[in-house]
C-alpha atoms as a PDB file:
ATOM      1  CA  MET A   1     -34.531 -41.110  -2.897  1.00  0.00           C
ATOM      2  CA  LYS A   2     -31.919 -42.183  -5.236  1.00  0.00           C
ATOM      3  CA  ASN A   3     -32.819 -39.448  -7.577  1.00  0.00           C
ATOM      4  CA  ILE A   4     -32.679 -36.832  -4.903  1.00  0.00           C
ATOM      5  CA  HIS A   5     -29.121 -38.114  -3.749  1.00  0.00           C
ATOM      6  CA  VAL A   6     -27.768 -38.120  -7.329  1.00  0.00           C
ATOM      7  CA  LEU A   7     -29.356 -34.458  -7.700  1.00  0.00           C
ATOM      8  CA  PHE A   8     -27.638 -33.301  -4.652  1.00  0.00           C
ATOM      9  CA  LEU A   9     -24.127 -34.753  -5.689  1.00  0.00           C
ATOM     10  CA  THR A  10     -24.771 -33.240  -9.069  1.00  0.00           C
ATOM     11  CA  LEU A  11     -25.415 -29.656  -7.548  1.00  0.00           C
ATOM     12  CA  THR A  12     -22.600 -30.078  -4.986  1.00  0.00           C
ATOM     13  CA  MET A  13     -20.087 -30.763  -7.919  1.00  0.00           C
ATOM     14  CA  LEU A  14     -21.348 -27.759  -9.912  1.00  0.00           C
ATOM     15  CA  ILE A  15     -20.954 -25.436  -7.009  1.00  0.00           C
ATOM     16  CA  THR A  16     -17.632 -26.678  -6.153  1.00  0.00           C
ATOM     17  CA  ILE A  17     -16.351 -26.289  -9.739  1.00  0.00           C
ATOM     18  CA  ASN A  18     -17.811 -22.828  -9.920  1.00  0.00           C
ATOM     19  CA  CYS A  19     -16.213 -21.682  -6.731  1.00  0.00           C
ATOM     20  CA  ASN A  20     -12.908 -23.130  -7.832  1.00  0.00           C
ATOM     21  CA  SER A  21     -13.016 -21.427 -11.249  1.00  0.00           C
ATOM     22  CA  GLN A  22     -13.870 -18.093  -9.649  1.00  0.00           C
ATOM     23  CA  SER A  23     -11.200 -18.125  -7.131  1.00  0.00           C
ATOM     24  CA  LYS A  24      -8.725 -19.006  -9.960  1.00  0.00           C
ATOM     25  CA  THR A  25      -9.729 -16.229 -12.201  1.00  0.00           C
ATOM     26  CA  GLU A  26      -9.681 -13.674  -8.963  1.00  0.00           C
ATOM     27  CA  SER A  27      -6.050 -14.946  -7.982  1.00  0.00           C
ATOM     28  CA  ALA A  28      -4.915 -14.794 -11.550  1.00  0.00           C
ATOM     29  CA  ALA A  29      -6.216 -11.347 -11.937  1.00  0.00           C
ATOM     30  CA  GLU A  30      -4.353 -10.026  -8.806  1.00  0.00           C
ATOM     31  CA  PRO A  31      -0.802 -10.374 -10.151  1.00  0.00           C
ATOM     32  CA  GLN A  32      -1.615  -8.393 -13.422  1.00  0.00           C
ATOM     33  CA  GLU A  33      -2.823  -5.585 -11.369  1.00  0.00           C
ATOM     34  CA  ASN A  34       0.448  -5.595  -9.591  1.00  0.00           C
ATOM     35  CA  LYS A  35       2.666  -5.970 -12.867  1.00  0.00           C
ATOM     36  CA  GLU A  36       1.017  -2.866 -14.343  1.00  0.00           C
ATOM     37  CA  ILE A  37       2.995  -0.168 -12.121  1.00  0.00           C
ATOM     38  CA  LYS A  38       6.377  -1.249 -10.779  1.00  0.00           C
ATOM     39  CA  TYR A  39       7.274   1.445  -8.195  1.00  0.00           C
ATOM     40  CA  LYS A  40      10.758   2.158  -7.618  1.00  0.00           C
ATOM     41  CA  VAL A  41       9.935   3.641  -4.277  1.00  0.00           C
ATOM     42  CA  THR A  42       6.978   3.551  -1.554  1.00  0.00           C
ATOM     43  CA  PHE A  43       6.776   6.672   0.348  1.00  0.00           C
ATOM     44  CA  VAL A  44       4.956   6.113   3.723  1.00  0.00           C
ATOM     45  CA  GLU A  45       3.776   8.798   5.681  1.00  0.00           C
ATOM     46  CA  LEU A  46       2.955   7.978   9.235  1.00  0.00           C
ATOM     47  CA  GLY A  47       1.068  10.833  10.941  1.00  0.00           C
ATOM     48  CA  SER A  48      -2.403  12.332  11.636  1.00  0.00           C
ATOM     49  CA  VAL A  49      -4.812  14.685   9.939  1.00  0.00           C
ATOM     50  CA  ARG A  50      -4.659  16.593  13.409  1.00  0.00           C
ATOM     51  CA  CYS A  51      -1.213  17.090  13.505  1.00  0.00           C
ATOM     52  CA  ILE A  52      -0.066  20.526  12.364  1.00  0.00           C
ATOM     53  CA  PRO A  53       3.381  19.294  10.904  1.00  0.00           C
ATOM     54  CA  CYS A  54       1.632  16.107   9.573  1.00  0.00           C
ATOM     55  CA  GLN A  55      -0.892  18.657   7.817  1.00  0.00           C
ATOM     56  CA  GLN A  56       2.026  20.617   6.254  1.00  0.00           C
ATOM     57  CA  MET A  57       3.442  17.295   4.831  1.00  0.00           C
ATOM     58  CA  GLN A  58      -0.119  17.047   2.963  1.00  0.00           C
ATOM     59  CA  PRO A  59       1.000  19.152   0.015  1.00  0.00           C
ATOM     60  CA  VAL A  60       4.323  17.727  -0.123  1.00  0.00           C
ATOM     61  CA  MET A  61       2.835  14.216  -0.515  1.00  0.00           C
ATOM     62  CA  LYS A  62       0.372  15.340  -3.138  1.00  0.00           C
ATOM     63  CA  SER A  63       2.931  16.952  -5.102  1.00  0.00           C
ATOM     64  CA  ILE A  64       5.241  13.813  -5.221  1.00  0.00           C
ATOM     65  CA  GLU A  65       2.248  11.793  -6.093  1.00  0.00           C
ATOM     66  CA  LYS A  66       1.702  14.064  -9.230  1.00  0.00           C
ATOM     67  CA  LYS A  67       5.276  14.595 -10.081  1.00  0.00           C
ATOM     68  CA  PHE A  68       6.291  10.856  -9.861  1.00  0.00           C
ATOM     69  CA  SER A  69       3.104   8.892 -10.160  1.00  0.00           C
ATOM     70  CA  THR A  70       4.632   6.077 -12.227  1.00  0.00           C
ATOM     71  CA  GLN A  71       7.550   5.863  -9.866  1.00  0.00           C
ATOM     72  CA  VAL A  72       6.779   6.338  -6.264  1.00  0.00           C
ATOM     73  CA  LYS A  73       3.539   5.075  -4.468  1.00  0.00           C
ATOM     74  CA  VAL A  74       2.664   7.460  -1.685  1.00  0.00           C
ATOM     75  CA  VAL A  75       0.703   5.903   1.263  1.00  0.00           C
ATOM     76  CA  PHE A  76      -0.379   7.832   4.293  1.00  0.00           C
ATOM     77  CA  HIS A  77      -1.588   6.251   7.600  1.00  0.00           C
ATOM     78  CA  ASP A  78      -3.294   8.288  10.339  1.00  0.00           C
ATOM     79  CA  VAL A  79      -1.761   6.737  13.304  1.00  0.00           C
ATOM     80  CA  TRP A  80      -4.046   8.499  15.616  1.00  0.00           C
ATOM     81  CA  THR A  81      -7.024   6.470  14.418  1.00  0.00           C
ATOM     82  CA  GLU A  82      -8.083   2.664  14.935  1.00  0.00           C
ATOM     83  CA  ALA A  83      -7.328   1.793  11.421  1.00  0.00           C
ATOM     84  CA  GLY A  84      -4.086   3.427  11.319  1.00  0.00           C
ATOM     85  CA  SER A  85      -2.567   2.646  14.841  1.00  0.00           C
ATOM     86  CA  PRO A  86      -1.427  -0.794  13.660  1.00  0.00           C
ATOM     87  CA  TYR A  87       1.038   0.938  11.235  1.00  0.00           C
ATOM     88  CA  ALA A  88       2.708   2.800  13.989  1.00  0.00           C
ATOM     89  CA  LYS A  89       3.719  -0.530  15.601  1.00  0.00           C
ATOM     90  CA  GLN A  90       4.544  -1.915  12.506  1.00  0.00           C
ATOM     91  CA  TYR A  91       6.960   0.822  11.522  1.00  0.00           C
ATOM     92  CA  ASN A  92       8.073   1.367  15.182  1.00  0.00           C
ATOM     93  CA  ILE A  93       7.437   5.020  15.199  1.00  0.00           C
ATOM     94  CA  ASP A  94       8.165   7.191  18.173  1.00  0.00           C
ATOM     95  CA  ALA A  95       7.023  10.628  16.791  1.00  0.00           C
ATOM     96  CA  ILE A  96       4.912  11.737  13.905  1.00  0.00           C
ATOM     97  CA  PRO A  97       5.186  12.773  11.182  1.00  0.00           C
ATOM     98  CA  THR A  98       7.520   9.992  10.156  1.00  0.00           C
ATOM     99  CA  GLN A  99       8.322   9.236   6.741  1.00  0.00           C
ATOM    100  CA  VAL A 100       9.539   5.813   5.694  1.00  0.00           C
ATOM    101  CA  PHE A 101      11.207   4.872   2.324  1.00  0.00           C
ATOM    102  CA  LEU A 102      10.761   1.523   0.963  1.00  0.00           C
ATOM    103  CA  ASP A 103      12.714   0.231  -2.294  1.00  0.00           C
ATOM    104  CA  GLU A 104      11.067  -1.938  -4.790  1.00  0.00           C
ATOM    105  CA  THR A 105      11.589  -5.096  -2.556  1.00  0.00           C
ATOM    106  CA  GLY A 106       9.791  -3.277   0.317  1.00  0.00           C
ATOM    107  CA  LYS A 107      12.950  -2.798   2.181  1.00  0.00           C
ATOM    108  CA  GLU A 108      13.215   0.171   4.143  1.00  0.00           C
ATOM    109  CA  TYR A 109      16.173   2.276   2.961  1.00  0.00           C
ATOM    110  CA  PHE A 110      15.557   5.786   4.647  1.00  0.00           C
ATOM    111  CA  ARG A 111      13.669   7.252   7.378  1.00  0.00           C
ATOM    112  CA  HIS A 112      12.949  10.902   8.822  1.00  0.00           C
ATOM    113  CA  VAL A 113      11.065  12.198  11.367  1.00  0.00           C
ATOM    114  CA  GLY A 114       9.369  15.731  11.375  1.00  0.00           C
ATOM    115  CA  PHE A 115       8.520  17.959   8.542  1.00  0.00           C
ATOM    116  CA  PHE A 116      10.401  17.090   5.203  1.00  0.00           C
ATOM    117  CA  PRO A 117      10.789  19.804   2.840  1.00  0.00           C
ATOM    118  CA  GLU A 118      10.148  18.465  -0.846  1.00  0.00           C
ATOM    119  CA  GLU A 119      13.413  19.467  -2.107  1.00  0.00           C
ATOM    120  CA  GLU A 120      15.321  17.209   0.549  1.00  0.00           C
ATOM    121  CA  LEU A 121      12.632  14.547   0.060  1.00  0.00           C
ATOM    122  CA  ILE A 122      13.294  14.397  -3.658  1.00  0.00           C
ATOM    123  CA  LYS A 123      17.080  13.623  -2.849  1.00  0.00           C
ATOM    124  CA  VAL A 124      15.919  10.645  -1.177  1.00  0.00           C
ATOM    125  CA  LEU A 125      13.797   9.427  -3.861  1.00  0.00           C
ATOM    126  CA  ASN A 126      16.756  10.023  -6.262  1.00  0.00           C
ATOM    127  CA  GLN A 127      18.817   7.555  -4.361  1.00  0.00           C
ATOM    128  CA  LYS A 128      16.593   4.798  -5.945  1.00  0.00           C
ATOM    129  CA  GLY A 129      16.776   6.094  -9.424  1.00  0.00           C
ATOM    130  CA  VAL A 130      13.521   8.341  -9.368  1.00  0.00           C
ATOM    131  CA  LYS A 131      14.143  11.216 -11.895  1.00  0.00           C
END
């Protein structure tokens, strides 16, 4: 009986040590991923794939992502889906498409509602040093 108790304690300790070392490794890896690319701007597009003006924004978003891939993070949330609807509340939007621009600290510095031509959008990115 004593041997079973010792065996159980030993296994419990090994599992605990293994779990702790894995969680430390995973959490240590996360900051490295975030440090690889430090975006100057996060461009959040809140819309829907079923909305015509939102569909017109798709090529603009792709172009921005291609031209400024190391400076601008482009994020799209389809707010007419269950997964995307919380973002409509988070960003307090009234109409789609809505574009929200966040600086490198995550603070909103500009917002636009409706179709946003690429040339005008680039001017907003330039405000935060995107060239």
